[in-house]
Amino acid sequence: MGSEIKVTENVVSCSDNGQHPLVYINLNDGKARCQYCGQVFTLIDPKDSKAEKEAA
């Protein structure tokens, strides 16, 4: 199973670096998992993303 990736876009793509077909994943529910590799994508507020970068 994949780890969690935080994203700020409502739609993401996943191909596991070419290991499976390219799929687009809709994050309407705020979180979704790739049907091929199990990678989890979590939608976050862009403001939260900026705060994380500034804290680092």
N, C-alpha and C. Protein backbone atom coordinates (compact mmCIF):
# COMPACT_ATOMS: atom_id res chain seq x y z
N MET A 1 0.83 -1.18 0.00
CA MET A 1 0.00 0.00 0.00
C MET A 1 0.88 1.25 0.00
N GLY A 2 0.38 2.28 -0.66
CA GLY A 2 1.12 3.52 -0.75
C GLY A 2 0.94 4.39 0.48
N SER A 3 1.79 5.39 0.57
CA SER A 3 1.68 6.35 1.66
C SER A 3 0.72 7.46 1.26
N GLU A 4 0.48 8.38 2.18
CA GLU A 4 -0.44 9.47 1.92
C GLU A 4 0.29 10.65 1.26
N ILE A 5 -0.31 11.19 0.22
CA ILE A 5 0.21 12.38 -0.44
C ILE A 5 -0.83 13.48 -0.29
N LYS A 6 -0.39 14.62 0.27
CA LYS A 6 -1.28 15.76 0.44
C LYS A 6 -1.23 16.61 -0.81
N VAL A 7 -2.41 16.95 -1.34
CA VAL A 7 -2.50 17.72 -2.58
C VAL A 7 -3.49 18.86 -2.41
N THR A 8 -3.37 19.87 -3.28
CA THR A 8 -4.27 21.03 -3.22
C THR A 8 -5.21 21.08 -4.41
N GLU A 9 -5.12 20.12 -5.31
CA GLU A 9 -5.99 20.07 -6.50
C GLU A 9 -7.09 19.04 -6.30
N ASN A 10 -8.26 19.29 -6.91
CA ASN A 10 -9.40 18.37 -6.78
C ASN A 10 -9.26 17.11 -7.61
N VAL A 11 -8.42 17.15 -8.63
CA VAL A 11 -8.18 15.98 -9.48
C VAL A 11 -6.68 15.76 -9.58
N VAL A 12 -6.24 14.53 -9.33
CA VAL A 12 -4.82 14.19 -9.42
C VAL A 12 -4.65 13.02 -10.39
N SER A 13 -3.42 12.83 -10.85
CA SER A 13 -3.14 11.68 -11.71
C SER A 13 -2.14 10.78 -11.01
N CYS A 14 -2.19 9.50 -11.36
CA CYS A 14 -1.27 8.53 -10.77
C CYS A 14 -0.92 7.49 -11.84
N SER A 15 0.36 7.18 -11.93
CA SER A 15 0.81 6.08 -12.80
C SER A 15 1.88 5.27 -12.10
N ASP A 16 2.16 5.60 -10.83
CA ASP A 16 3.20 4.93 -10.04
C ASP A 16 4.51 4.88 -10.83
N ASN A 17 4.89 6.05 -11.36
CA ASN A 17 6.12 6.18 -12.16
C ASN A 17 6.15 5.22 -13.34
N GLY A 18 5.00 5.08 -14.01
CA GLY A 18 4.91 4.23 -15.19
C GLY A 18 4.66 2.76 -14.91
N GLN A 19 4.41 2.42 -13.66
CA GLN A 19 4.21 1.02 -13.30
C GLN A 19 2.80 0.52 -13.57
N HIS A 20 1.86 1.43 -13.79
CA HIS A 20 0.50 1.03 -14.14
C HIS A 20 -0.08 2.11 -15.06
N PRO A 21 -1.23 1.84 -15.68
CA PRO A 21 -1.83 2.85 -16.58
C PRO A 21 -2.09 4.16 -15.85
N LEU A 22 -1.96 5.27 -16.55
CA LEU A 22 -2.24 6.59 -16.00
C LEU A 22 -3.74 6.70 -15.70
N VAL A 23 -4.06 7.05 -14.48
CA VAL A 23 -5.45 7.26 -14.08
C VAL A 23 -5.58 8.64 -13.44
N TYR A 24 -6.76 9.21 -13.56
CA TYR A 24 -7.08 10.48 -12.93
C TYR A 24 -8.04 10.18 -11.78
N ILE A 25 -7.76 10.77 -10.64
CA ILE A 25 -8.52 10.48 -9.43
C ILE A 25 -9.18 11.76 -8.93
N ASN A 26 -10.49 11.71 -8.76
CA ASN A 26 -11.27 12.84 -8.29
C ASN A 26 -11.32 12.80 -6.76
N LEU A 27 -11.02 13.93 -6.12
CA LEU A 27 -10.98 13.99 -4.66
C LEU A 27 -12.19 14.75 -4.10
N ASN A 28 -13.37 14.53 -4.67
CA ASN A 28 -14.58 15.20 -4.18
C ASN A 28 -14.84 14.91 -2.71
N ASP A 29 -14.47 13.73 -2.24
CA ASP A 29 -14.69 13.36 -0.85
C ASP A 29 -13.53 13.76 0.05
N GLY A 30 -12.50 14.40 -0.52
CA GLY A 30 -11.37 14.86 0.27
C GLY A 30 -10.24 13.86 0.37
N LYS A 31 -10.52 12.60 0.03
CA LYS A 31 -9.48 11.56 0.10
C LYS A 31 -9.87 10.45 -0.86
N ALA A 32 -8.88 9.91 -1.56
CA ALA A 32 -9.14 8.80 -2.47
C ALA A 32 -7.88 7.96 -2.63
N ARG A 33 -8.08 6.72 -3.07
CA ARG A 33 -6.98 5.77 -3.23
C ARG A 33 -6.90 5.33 -4.69
N CYS A 34 -5.68 5.22 -5.21
CA CYS A 34 -5.48 4.71 -6.57
C CYS A 34 -5.90 3.25 -6.62
N GLN A 35 -6.69 2.90 -7.61
CA GLN A 35 -7.20 1.53 -7.73
C GLN A 35 -6.10 0.53 -8.10
N TYR A 36 -4.99 1.01 -8.65
CA TYR A 36 -3.91 0.12 -9.06
C TYR A 36 -2.84 -0.09 -7.98
N CYS A 37 -2.31 1.01 -7.44
CA CYS A 37 -1.17 0.90 -6.52
C CYS A 37 -1.52 1.16 -5.06
N GLY A 38 -2.71 1.67 -4.81
CA GLY A 38 -3.13 1.91 -3.43
C GLY A 38 -2.66 3.23 -2.85
N GLN A 39 -1.99 4.05 -3.66
CA GLN A 39 -1.54 5.36 -3.19
C GLN A 39 -2.74 6.18 -2.72
N VAL A 40 -2.63 6.81 -1.55
CA VAL A 40 -3.72 7.61 -0.99
C VAL A 40 -3.41 9.09 -1.22
N PHE A 41 -4.39 9.80 -1.74
CA PHE A 41 -4.28 11.24 -1.97
C PHE A 41 -5.28 11.93 -1.06
N THR A 42 -4.83 12.96 -0.34
CA THR A 42 -5.67 13.71 0.58
C THR A 42 -5.68 15.17 0.17
N LEU A 43 -6.87 15.71 0.00
CA LEU A 43 -7.04 17.10 -0.39
C LEU A 43 -6.87 17.99 0.84
N ILE A 44 -5.99 18.99 0.72
CA ILE A 44 -5.81 19.96 1.80
C ILE A 44 -6.04 21.36 1.26
N ASP A 45 -6.27 22.28 2.13
CA ASP A 45 -6.46 23.68 1.76
C ASP A 45 -5.11 24.26 1.33
N PRO A 46 -5.05 24.97 0.21
CA PRO A 46 -3.77 25.56 -0.23
C PRO A 46 -3.13 26.44 0.84
N LYS A 47 -3.92 27.07 1.69
CA LYS A 47 -3.37 27.89 2.78
C LYS A 47 -2.60 27.02 3.76
N ASP A 48 -3.10 25.80 4.03
CA ASP A 48 -2.41 24.88 4.93
C ASP A 48 -1.08 24.45 4.35
N SER A 49 -1.06 24.23 3.04
CA SER A 49 0.17 23.83 2.35
C SER A 49 1.23 24.91 2.49
N LYS A 50 0.84 26.15 2.32
CA LYS A 50 1.78 27.28 2.43
C LYS A 50 2.31 27.38 3.85
N ALA A 51 1.46 27.19 4.86
CA ALA A 51 1.88 27.27 6.25
C ALA A 51 2.89 26.17 6.58
N GLU A 52 2.68 24.96 6.02
CA GLU A 52 3.61 23.85 6.25
C GLU A 52 4.99 24.18 5.69
N LYS A 53 5.03 24.76 4.49
CA LYS A 53 6.30 25.10 3.85
C LYS A 53 7.04 26.18 4.64
N GLU A 54 6.29 27.16 5.17
CA GLU A 54 6.90 28.24 5.93
C GLU A 54 7.44 27.74 7.27
N ALA A 55 6.80 26.74 7.85
CA ALA A 55 7.24 26.20 9.14
C ALA A 55 8.50 25.35 9.01
N ALA A 56 8.75 24.85 7.83
CA ALA A 56 9.90 23.94 7.61
C ALA A 56 11.22 24.66 7.62
